[in-house]
Amino acid sequence: MKITFVFIKIIQFIISISILIIVHELGHFTLARLFKVKVERFFLFFDLWFHLFKKKIGDTTYGIGWLPLGGYVKIYGMFENHNHKSYNKNNNLKFYYKSSIKRFLIISGGIIFNFIFSLFIFSYLLYKYGDYDITLNSVNKYGIEVNNLGEKIGFKNGDKILYIDNKYVPYFNEIIQKIIFSNKITINREGKIKNILLNDNKKKYLFNRNEEKYFITPRIPIIIDYIKNSKYNKEILKSGDKIISINNNHVNFFDQLRDKIDKILKNKNKIISLGIYRNGIISEKKITLKQYNNIFFKEFIQMNNIFSFKKNKYNILDSINIGLIRLYEIIKNQILYLKNIINTNSYKQIGSFLSVSREFSGKWNWILFWSLTGALSIWIAFLNLLPIPSLDGGHLFFIILEMFLGRNISEKISQKCNIIGFIILSLIMISIVIWDIIKIFIY
C-alpha cells in the first residue's frame, strides 16, 4: 500500500512537470515562430548522448530526452552576432538578426506562458469549484490544535489567534502563510493576552521540510456527525454522539482523545472504554483497538457542522481577478521564502524534485494536482527570471545590457557565461538531489 502511495505521488509529479516544461518551451517556440525565427529542436527532457524519441516536422525536430532535468528549444542563430559582411538570405531566420525587443520577447516567451498557464488554472478552478473560507472567529470558539512544530514555535492547544503582526486576519485559511512570514503573533491563552515572537531560530523550524506543513489546525470537539459503514456503525457510535471520556478520563477535544489513546497503546493496552453522551443519556462503550491510527475518530467528524464556512462562487471575470491576486501572492511569498532562507541560514532545507513530489496526494486528486501544477508553473517562471547564466534570466540580462550599451555582447563571452552557468547549475541540482536522498535515510 505504501509503495502504491509513493508511486502515485511520483507519477503525478512527472506528469505535472512534463506539462510545465512543454508549456514553458512552447512559449519560446511560439514567440520565435511569430517573429519568423527558425526553431531547430523542441525537446521534452534533455537528450544528452541519446534520445528516447524524435521526429522531424518541417524545419523542427521534436523529441523526448532521457534526462528529466528540464527541456529546451534550439533556436536558429541564437549564439551568433550580427555580421553584415557575411549576410545571406538565411540570416532573416536567425535569432541574433532580429531586433533587441524581439529577442527579448522570444526569451521571455517561456516565462510569459508559465504565468498565463498558472492564471488559467487558478481562474478555471475558482470558476468551476469556487472556494471555501473558514472564519477565524468560529475557530476561536474552541481555539487551535498544534503538533510538535507548533509547540516548538510557542503555541499550545486551545490558543486563540487574535492578530498577526498587529493585523487581524479574518479567515483561518490564510493564517499559516501569514505566520510563516511574520514576526509576532498575538494570542489569547486561557483568558490572558500573550505575544509569540518568531526569531530566526524559531523560523528555522518553519522552513524545515521534515516538519509537518500544517502546524496548527482548528481544535475540534468530539461530536460524531458521520459514520461510515463499519462494525462501529451500529455497535458503538452514532451521528450526534459526543465522546466525553476515555477510561474514565474526561475529554473535550480530539487532541485530548488522541493523546489518551497514545498513552494507552504505549502500555500495550488495546481495550478502551468510551463515555458517550447521546440524547441526554451517558453510556459506556468498550472498543478493542487492533490497528489504531490518529484519524480513527477524526474521520467521523465533519468540520462544516462545527465551524462557519463561507462558500465563494465566482463568475468568469471575478475568477480571473482572484486568480491574478493568488498569482501575485505566490510570487510575493516566493520572494519572502528566499529572504527567510537567507536570514535563517536554512540552506540545507532547500529541496529538489524529490521534495516537491511529496506535496502531491497519494491518491488521485485532480483539484490538488492542478492547484500544485499552477503553483509550480509560477515557481518555474520566477526561477527563470533570475539573472543566472544559462537560464532565461541570464539571456535577458545580456539583451538588456546590449540595449544599454548600444552594441552586441561578444559571442565568446555570452557562450562561456552560459556554459559556466549550466555547469554550476547542474552541479547544484545534483548536489540538492543527493542531499534529498541522504535526508530520506537520515530522517
Protein backbone atom coordinates (compact mmCIF):
# COMPACT_ATOMS: atom_id res chain seq x y z
CA MET A 1 0.00 0.00 0.00
CA LYS A 2 2.80 2.42 0.93
CA ILE A 3 4.67 1.65 -2.33
CA THR A 4 1.49 2.38 -4.32
CA PHE A 5 1.03 5.61 -2.36
CA VAL A 6 4.56 6.81 -3.21
CA PHE A 7 4.26 5.62 -6.83
CA ILE A 8 1.09 7.69 -7.39
CA LYS A 9 2.82 10.76 -5.94
CA ILE A 10 5.79 10.32 -8.31
CA ILE A 11 3.57 9.73 -11.36
CA GLN A 12 1.57 12.87 -10.63
CA PHE A 13 4.75 14.89 -10.25
CA ILE A 14 6.24 13.57 -13.51
CA ILE A 15 3.02 14.39 -15.40
CA SER A 16 2.85 17.85 -13.82
CA ILE A 17 6.46 18.79 -14.50
CA SER A 18 6.26 17.42 -18.08
CA ILE A 19 3.24 19.64 -18.78
CA LEU A 20 5.05 22.66 -17.37
CA ILE A 21 8.23 22.03 -19.38
CA ILE A 22 6.17 21.75 -22.58
CA VAL A 23 4.26 24.95 -21.73
CA HIS A 24 7.49 26.82 -21.00
CA GLU A 25 9.27 25.71 -24.16
CA LEU A 26 6.10 26.30 -26.19
CA GLY A 27 6.33 29.93 -25.11
CA HIS A 28 9.79 30.27 -26.67
CA PHE A 29 8.68 28.31 -29.73
CA THR A 30 5.53 30.38 -30.32
CA LEU A 31 7.25 33.77 -29.99
CA ALA A 32 10.14 32.61 -32.21
CA ARG A 33 7.78 31.47 -34.97
CA LEU A 34 5.73 34.66 -34.57
CA PHE A 35 8.85 36.70 -35.36
CA LYS A 36 9.82 34.30 -38.17
CA VAL A 37 12.81 32.77 -36.39
CA LYS A 38 13.61 29.16 -37.22
CA VAL A 39 13.36 26.63 -34.37
CA GLU A 40 15.64 23.64 -34.97
CA ARG A 41 14.73 21.40 -31.99
CA PHE A 42 11.90 21.13 -29.41
CA PHE A 43 12.66 18.59 -26.68
CA LEU A 44 10.96 17.44 -23.50
CA PHE A 45 13.85 16.47 -21.16
CA PHE A 46 17.49 16.62 -22.19
CA ASP A 47 18.84 14.26 -24.85
CA LEU A 48 22.46 14.15 -23.68
CA TRP A 49 24.20 11.44 -25.78
CA PHE A 50 20.92 9.81 -26.85
CA HIS A 51 17.15 10.34 -27.02
CA LEU A 52 14.04 8.23 -26.42
CA PHE A 53 12.09 9.59 -29.38
CA LYS A 54 12.38 12.18 -32.12
CA LYS A 55 10.60 13.15 -35.31
CA LYS A 56 11.25 15.99 -37.74
CA ILE A 57 8.23 18.00 -38.87
CA GLY A 58 9.01 20.87 -41.21
CA ASP A 59 12.14 22.68 -40.03
CA THR A 60 11.83 21.48 -36.42
CA THR A 61 12.84 18.18 -34.80
CA TYR A 62 10.55 17.24 -31.91
CA GLY A 63 11.65 14.70 -29.33
CA ILE A 64 11.85 13.31 -25.81
CA GLY A 65 15.16 13.01 -23.99
CA TRP A 66 16.10 10.68 -21.16
CA LEU A 67 17.39 13.18 -18.57
CA PRO A 68 14.38 14.70 -16.73
CA LEU A 69 16.06 17.91 -15.59
CA GLY A 70 14.14 20.20 -17.92
CA GLY A 71 13.66 20.69 -21.64
CA TYR A 72 14.80 23.03 -24.40
CA VAL A 73 14.17 24.58 -27.78
CA LYS A 74 17.16 25.16 -30.05
CA ILE A 75 16.64 28.49 -31.79
CA TYR A 76 18.49 29.04 -35.07
CA GLY A 77 21.38 31.52 -34.77
CA MET A 78 20.88 32.17 -31.07
CA PHE A 79 24.59 32.29 -30.30
CA GLU A 80 25.70 34.34 -33.29
CA ASN A 81 26.41 38.04 -33.52
CA HIS A 82 25.46 40.34 -36.38
CA ASN A 83 27.95 40.16 -39.22
CA HIS A 84 26.66 42.18 -42.15
CA LYS A 85 29.67 41.27 -44.27
CA SER A 86 28.59 37.63 -44.33
CA TYR A 87 24.89 38.42 -44.66
CA ASN A 88 22.79 35.86 -46.60
CA LYS A 89 19.09 35.10 -47.02
CA ASN A 90 19.11 32.62 -44.10
CA ASN A 91 20.02 35.42 -41.70
CA ASN A 92 16.36 36.52 -41.72
CA LEU A 93 15.57 33.26 -39.89
CA LYS A 94 18.29 33.73 -37.28
CA PHE A 95 17.66 34.86 -33.72
CA TYR A 96 20.53 37.36 -33.48
CA TYR A 97 19.49 39.18 -36.66
CA LYS A 98 16.24 40.23 -35.02
CA SER A 99 15.81 43.48 -33.07
CA SER A 100 16.60 43.57 -29.36
CA ILE A 101 12.92 43.85 -28.40
CA LYS A 102 12.00 40.78 -30.49
CA ARG A 103 14.85 38.76 -28.98
CA PHE A 104 13.77 39.92 -25.53
CA LEU A 105 10.18 38.72 -26.16
CA ILE A 106 11.33 35.36 -27.57
CA ILE A 107 13.45 34.67 -24.46
CA SER A 108 10.59 35.91 -22.24
CA GLY A 109 8.12 33.60 -24.01
CA GLY A 110 8.57 30.70 -21.61
CA ILE A 111 8.11 32.91 -18.54
CA ILE A 112 5.05 34.60 -20.09
CA PHE A 113 3.42 31.26 -20.96
CA ASN A 114 4.08 29.90 -17.45
CA PHE A 115 2.35 32.91 -15.89
CA ILE A 116 -0.59 32.68 -18.31
CA PHE A 117 -0.91 28.94 -17.68
CA SER A 118 -0.97 29.49 -13.90
CA LEU A 119 -3.61 32.19 -14.25
CA PHE A 120 -5.72 29.88 -16.45
CA ILE A 121 -5.51 27.03 -13.91
CA PHE A 122 -6.37 29.19 -10.89
CA SER A 123 -9.17 31.01 -12.71
CA TYR A 124 -10.72 27.79 -14.01
CA LEU A 125 -10.63 26.08 -10.60
CA LEU A 126 -12.23 29.15 -8.98
CA TYR A 127 -14.90 29.39 -11.67
CA LYS A 128 -15.66 25.65 -11.66
CA TYR A 129 -15.49 24.85 -7.94
CA GLY A 130 -15.34 28.16 -6.08
CA ASP A 131 -13.62 28.01 -2.71
CA TYR A 132 -14.29 27.93 1.00
CA ASP A 133 -13.17 30.25 3.77
CA ILE A 134 -13.39 29.25 7.42
CA THR A 135 -13.76 32.28 9.65
CA LEU A 136 -11.20 32.89 12.37
CA ASN A 137 -13.95 33.89 14.80
CA SER A 138 -15.57 30.44 14.55
CA VAL A 139 -12.18 28.71 15.06
CA ASN A 140 -11.55 30.88 18.12
CA LYS A 141 -14.64 29.40 19.77
CA TYR A 142 -12.50 26.37 20.65
CA GLY A 143 -9.01 27.60 19.75
CA ILE A 144 -6.33 25.73 17.80
CA GLU A 145 -4.76 22.28 17.92
CA VAL A 146 -0.98 22.15 17.49
CA ASN A 147 1.56 19.48 16.65
CA ASN A 148 5.23 19.26 17.71
CA LEU A 149 6.24 22.04 15.31
CA GLY A 150 3.51 24.32 16.67
CA GLU A 151 4.77 23.69 20.20
CA LYS A 152 8.38 24.43 19.17
CA ILE A 153 7.47 27.93 17.97
CA GLY A 154 5.41 28.64 21.08
CA PHE A 155 1.77 27.60 20.53
CA LYS A 156 -0.32 25.42 22.83
CA ASN A 157 -3.57 23.55 22.32
CA GLY A 158 -6.51 25.88 22.91
CA ASP A 159 -4.69 29.11 21.97
CA LYS A 160 -6.88 31.64 20.17
CA ILE A 161 -5.13 33.71 17.49
CA LEU A 162 -6.05 37.39 17.66
CA TYR A 163 -3.55 39.27 15.47
CA ILE A 164 -0.55 38.59 13.24
CA ASP A 165 1.94 41.47 13.25
CA ASN A 166 -0.81 43.56 14.86
CA LYS A 167 -3.20 42.88 11.95
CA TYR A 168 -6.47 40.98 12.15
CA VAL A 169 -6.76 38.10 9.65
CA PRO A 170 -10.48 37.31 9.03
CA TYR A 171 -10.07 33.79 7.61
CA PHE A 172 -8.22 30.84 9.12
CA ASN A 173 -7.18 29.61 5.62
CA GLU A 174 -4.67 32.47 5.46
CA ILE A 175 -3.26 32.03 8.96
CA ILE A 176 -0.40 29.56 8.34
CA GLN A 177 1.05 31.50 5.40
CA LYS A 178 0.82 34.75 7.36
CA ILE A 179 2.53 33.21 10.42
CA ILE A 180 5.46 31.85 8.39
CA PHE A 181 6.44 35.35 7.25
CA SER A 182 5.50 37.20 10.44
CA ASN A 183 7.44 38.36 13.49
CA LYS A 184 4.73 38.48 16.17
CA ILE A 185 1.51 36.57 16.82
CA THR A 186 -0.89 37.86 19.47
CA ILE A 187 -2.94 35.11 21.16
CA ASN A 188 -5.50 34.59 23.89
CA ARG A 189 -4.34 31.77 26.17
CA GLU A 190 -6.83 30.86 28.89
CA GLY A 191 -8.07 34.45 29.07
CA LYS A 192 -4.61 36.06 29.07
CA ILE A 193 -3.25 38.04 26.11
CA LYS A 194 0.25 36.90 25.11
CA ASN A 195 2.65 37.54 22.22
CA ILE A 196 4.59 34.79 20.45
CA LEU A 197 7.75 36.25 18.90
CA LEU A 198 9.27 34.47 15.90
CA ASN A 199 13.04 34.93 15.79
CA ASP A 200 15.35 33.35 13.22
CA ASN A 201 15.90 30.25 15.37
CA LYS A 202 12.16 29.54 15.51
CA LYS A 203 11.75 30.25 11.79
CA LYS A 204 14.31 27.55 11.04
CA TYR A 205 11.71 25.05 12.25
CA LEU A 206 9.11 26.55 9.89
CA PHE A 207 11.39 26.11 6.89
CA ASN A 208 12.41 22.57 7.83
CA ARG A 209 10.96 20.32 5.14
CA ASN A 210 10.95 17.38 7.54
CA GLU A 211 8.47 19.13 9.82
CA GLU A 212 4.73 18.81 9.23
CA LYS A 213 3.34 21.50 6.95
CA TYR A 214 0.18 22.25 8.92
CA PHE A 215 1.49 23.01 12.40
CA ILE A 216 -1.85 24.40 13.59
CA THR A 217 -5.40 23.26 12.83
CA PRO A 218 -8.80 24.16 14.29
CA ARG A 219 -9.41 22.43 17.61
CA ILE A 220 -12.28 20.00 17.16
CA PRO A 221 -14.80 18.92 19.79
CA ILE A 222 -15.56 15.19 19.69
CA ILE A 223 -19.05 15.32 18.24
CA ILE A 224 -19.76 12.50 15.81
CA ASP A 225 -21.51 13.68 12.67
CA TYR A 226 -20.91 10.93 10.12
CA ILE A 227 -20.49 7.18 10.46
CA LYS A 228 -19.16 5.06 7.63
CA ASN A 229 -20.38 1.53 7.07
CA SER A 230 -18.24 -0.31 9.58
CA LYS A 231 -18.57 -2.56 12.59
CA TYR A 232 -18.67 0.57 14.76
CA ASN A 233 -21.72 1.95 12.96
CA LYS A 234 -24.46 0.25 14.95
CA GLU A 235 -22.46 -1.18 17.82
CA ILE A 236 -20.68 1.90 19.18
CA LEU A 237 -21.05 5.30 17.50
CA LYS A 238 -23.99 7.14 16.02
CA SER A 239 -24.37 10.57 14.46
CA GLY A 240 -24.83 13.17 17.18
CA ASP A 241 -22.86 11.24 19.80
CA LYS A 242 -20.39 13.18 21.89
CA ILE A 243 -17.40 11.38 23.37
CA ILE A 244 -16.88 12.81 26.87
CA SER A 245 -14.39 10.40 28.45
CA ILE A 246 -11.90 7.64 27.79
CA ASN A 247 -11.09 5.12 30.51
CA ASN A 248 -12.91 7.46 32.96
CA ASN A 249 -10.66 10.40 32.00
CA HIS A 250 -12.66 13.44 30.88
CA VAL A 251 -12.00 14.74 27.32
CA ASN A 252 -13.47 17.67 25.39
CA PHE A 253 -11.44 17.76 22.18
CA PHE A 254 -9.97 15.40 19.64
CA ASP A 255 -6.35 16.20 20.59
CA GLN A 256 -7.09 15.16 24.18
CA LEU A 257 -8.69 11.92 22.97
CA ARG A 258 -5.71 11.18 20.72
CA ASP A 259 -3.17 11.79 23.49
CA LYS A 260 -5.06 9.50 25.88
CA ILE A 261 -5.23 6.70 23.30
CA ASP A 262 -1.49 7.06 22.54
CA LYS A 263 -0.69 6.61 26.24
CA ILE A 264 -2.96 3.57 26.48
CA LEU A 265 -1.26 1.96 23.49
CA LYS A 266 2.19 2.60 24.97
CA ASN A 267 1.10 0.47 27.91
CA LYS A 268 0.15 -2.23 25.39
CA ASN A 269 -3.49 -1.98 26.43
CA LYS A 270 -5.74 -2.40 23.40
CA ILE A 271 -9.09 -2.09 25.18
CA ILE A 272 -10.57 1.37 25.79
CA SER A 273 -13.75 2.46 27.46
CA LEU A 274 -15.56 5.43 25.89
CA GLY A 275 -18.03 7.64 27.71
CA ILE A 276 -20.77 8.52 25.21
CA TYR A 277 -23.30 11.31 25.63
CA ARG A 278 -26.38 10.55 23.48
CA ASN A 279 -29.82 12.20 23.71
CA GLY A 280 -29.26 13.32 27.28
CA ILE A 281 -28.03 9.88 28.42
CA ILE A 282 -24.45 8.94 29.31
CA SER A 283 -23.39 5.40 28.50
CA GLU A 284 -20.14 3.46 28.45
CA LYS A 285 -18.90 1.57 25.37
CA LYS A 286 -15.81 -0.62 25.06
CA ILE A 287 -13.64 -0.83 21.93
CA THR A 288 -10.77 -3.22 21.27
CA LEU A 289 -8.11 -1.46 19.18
CA LYS A 290 -6.36 -3.90 16.88
CA GLN A 291 -4.94 -1.36 14.46
CA TYR A 292 -5.18 2.20 15.70
CA ASN A 293 -4.22 5.36 13.87
CA ASN A 294 -4.76 9.01 14.67
CA ILE A 295 -7.55 9.53 12.14
CA PHE A 296 -9.67 6.66 13.53
CA PHE A 297 -12.12 9.01 15.24
CA LYS A 298 -11.37 12.18 13.32
CA GLU A 299 -12.75 10.74 10.08
CA PHE A 300 -16.19 10.67 11.73
CA ILE A 301 -16.16 14.41 12.47
CA GLN A 302 -17.43 16.79 9.80
CA MET A 303 -15.92 20.25 10.34
CA ASN A 304 -18.56 22.06 8.28
CA ASN A 305 -21.12 21.37 11.00
CA ILE A 306 -18.82 22.75 13.72
CA PHE A 307 -17.30 25.87 12.13
CA SER A 308 -18.64 28.69 9.98
CA PHE A 309 -17.62 28.20 6.36
CA LYS A 310 -18.07 30.86 3.70
CA LYS A 311 -18.74 29.36 0.27
CA ASN A 312 -17.48 31.62 -2.52
CA LYS A 313 -18.80 31.38 -6.07
CA TYR A 314 -17.19 33.34 -8.89
CA ASN A 315 -18.16 34.39 -12.39
CA ILE A 316 -15.55 34.41 -15.16
CA LEU A 317 -14.32 37.97 -14.54
CA ASP A 318 -14.18 37.52 -10.77
CA SER A 319 -12.33 34.20 -11.11
CA ILE A 320 -9.70 35.88 -13.33
CA ASN A 321 -9.37 38.76 -10.88
CA ILE A 322 -8.98 36.45 -7.84
CA GLY A 323 -6.63 34.26 -9.93
CA LEU A 324 -4.39 37.29 -10.53
CA ILE A 325 -4.38 38.07 -6.81
CA ARG A 326 -3.37 34.49 -5.97
CA LEU A 327 -0.66 34.59 -8.62
CA TYR A 328 0.71 37.78 -7.06
CA GLU A 329 0.54 36.28 -3.55
CA ILE A 330 2.51 33.20 -4.62
CA ILE A 331 5.23 35.33 -6.24
CA LYS A 332 5.42 37.55 -3.16
CA ASN A 333 5.64 34.52 -0.87
CA GLN A 334 8.42 33.00 -3.00
CA ILE A 335 10.46 36.19 -2.56
CA LEU A 336 9.76 36.19 1.19
CA TYR A 337 10.64 32.49 1.35
CA LEU A 338 14.06 33.06 -0.24
CA LYS A 339 14.63 36.06 2.03
CA ASN A 340 13.85 33.97 5.13
CA ILE A 341 16.02 31.07 3.90
CA ILE A 342 18.95 33.53 3.67
CA ASN A 343 18.19 35.22 7.01
CA THR A 344 17.86 31.93 8.90
CA ASN A 345 20.72 30.14 7.09
CA SER A 346 18.32 27.30 6.28
CA TYR A 347 20.01 26.38 3.01
CA LYS A 348 20.02 22.68 3.86
CA GLN A 349 16.21 22.75 3.75
CA ILE A 350 16.20 23.60 0.03
CA GLY A 351 14.91 20.53 -1.79
CA SER A 352 14.91 19.02 -5.27
CA PHE A 353 12.08 17.50 -7.25
CA LEU A 354 12.00 14.71 -4.63
CA SER A 355 10.86 17.23 -2.02
CA VAL A 356 8.35 18.80 -4.40
CA SER A 357 6.85 15.39 -5.26
CA ARG A 358 5.90 14.91 -1.58
CA GLU A 359 3.33 17.70 -1.90
CA PHE A 360 1.21 15.63 -4.29
CA SER A 361 -1.50 13.36 -2.91
CA GLY A 362 -1.04 9.60 -2.60
CA LYS A 363 -4.49 9.31 -4.20
CA TRP A 364 -5.64 10.81 -7.47
CA ASN A 365 -6.94 14.26 -6.59
CA TRP A 366 -7.28 16.39 -9.70
CA ILE A 367 -8.12 19.63 -7.89
CA LEU A 368 -4.98 19.32 -5.77
CA PHE A 369 -2.98 18.18 -8.83
CA TRP A 370 -3.90 21.25 -10.87
CA SER A 371 -3.51 23.59 -7.89
CA LEU A 372 0.05 22.34 -7.33
CA THR A 373 0.77 22.46 -11.06
CA GLY A 374 -0.38 26.09 -11.17
CA ALA A 375 1.86 26.96 -8.22
CA LEU A 376 4.83 25.10 -9.77
CA SER A 377 4.30 26.97 -13.03
CA ILE A 378 4.76 30.27 -11.21
CA TRP A 379 7.81 28.87 -9.42
CA ILE A 380 9.41 27.92 -12.77
CA ALA A 381 8.63 31.37 -14.19
CA PHE A 382 10.09 33.06 -11.10
CA LEU A 383 13.24 30.90 -11.20
CA ASN A 384 13.78 31.75 -14.88
CA LEU A 385 13.51 35.46 -14.13
CA LEU A 386 16.67 35.29 -12.02
CA PRO A 387 19.70 36.71 -13.93
CA ILE A 388 21.61 33.43 -13.87
CA PRO A 389 23.61 32.39 -16.98
CA SER A 390 22.00 29.51 -18.94
CA LEU A 391 18.55 30.40 -17.52
CA ASP A 392 16.18 32.72 -19.36
CA GLY A 393 17.01 35.48 -16.90
CA GLY A 394 20.68 35.28 -17.86
CA HIS A 395 19.87 35.69 -21.56
CA LEU A 396 17.52 38.58 -20.77
CA PHE A 397 20.28 40.24 -18.75
CA PHE A 398 22.63 40.18 -21.76
CA ILE A 399 19.94 41.57 -24.08
CA ILE A 400 19.18 44.41 -21.63
CA LEU A 401 22.92 45.06 -21.35
CA GLU A 402 23.13 45.26 -25.16
CA MET A 403 20.27 47.78 -25.21
CA PHE A 404 22.04 49.86 -22.57
CA LEU A 405 25.47 49.72 -24.26
CA GLY A 406 24.14 50.11 -27.77
CA ARG A 407 26.23 47.24 -29.08
CA ASN A 408 26.27 43.41 -29.06
CA ILE A 409 27.97 41.40 -26.36
CA SER A 410 30.82 39.24 -27.63
CA GLU A 411 29.67 35.79 -28.72
CA LYS A 412 32.58 34.17 -26.88
CA ILE A 413 31.70 35.94 -23.61
CA SER A 414 27.99 35.01 -23.77
CA GLN A 415 28.76 31.39 -24.69
CA LYS A 416 31.35 30.99 -21.93
CA CYS A 417 28.97 32.50 -19.35
CA ASN A 418 26.19 30.14 -20.44
CA ILE A 419 28.46 27.08 -20.35
CA ILE A 420 29.81 28.01 -16.91
CA GLY A 421 26.29 28.78 -15.69
CA PHE A 422 24.97 25.44 -16.97
CA ILE A 423 27.81 23.51 -15.29
CA ILE A 424 27.30 25.33 -11.96
CA LEU A 425 23.51 24.86 -12.07
CA SER A 426 23.90 21.19 -12.93
CA LEU A 427 26.31 20.65 -10.03
CA ILE A 428 23.95 22.48 -7.65
CA MET A 429 20.96 20.42 -8.84
CA ILE A 430 22.89 17.15 -8.49
CA SER A 431 24.06 18.18 -5.00
CA ILE A 432 20.49 19.02 -3.94
CA VAL A 433 19.18 15.68 -5.26
CA ILE A 434 21.94 13.80 -3.38
CA TRP A 435 21.14 15.81 -0.22
CA ASP A 436 17.42 14.97 -0.61
CA ILE A 437 18.25 11.26 -0.85
CA ILE A 438 20.51 11.50 2.23
CA LYS A 439 17.72 13.21 4.19
CA ILE A 440 15.34 10.34 3.35
CA PHE A 441 17.68 7.89 5.10
CA ILE A 442 18.61 10.25 7.96
CA TYR A 443 15.06 11.21 8.84
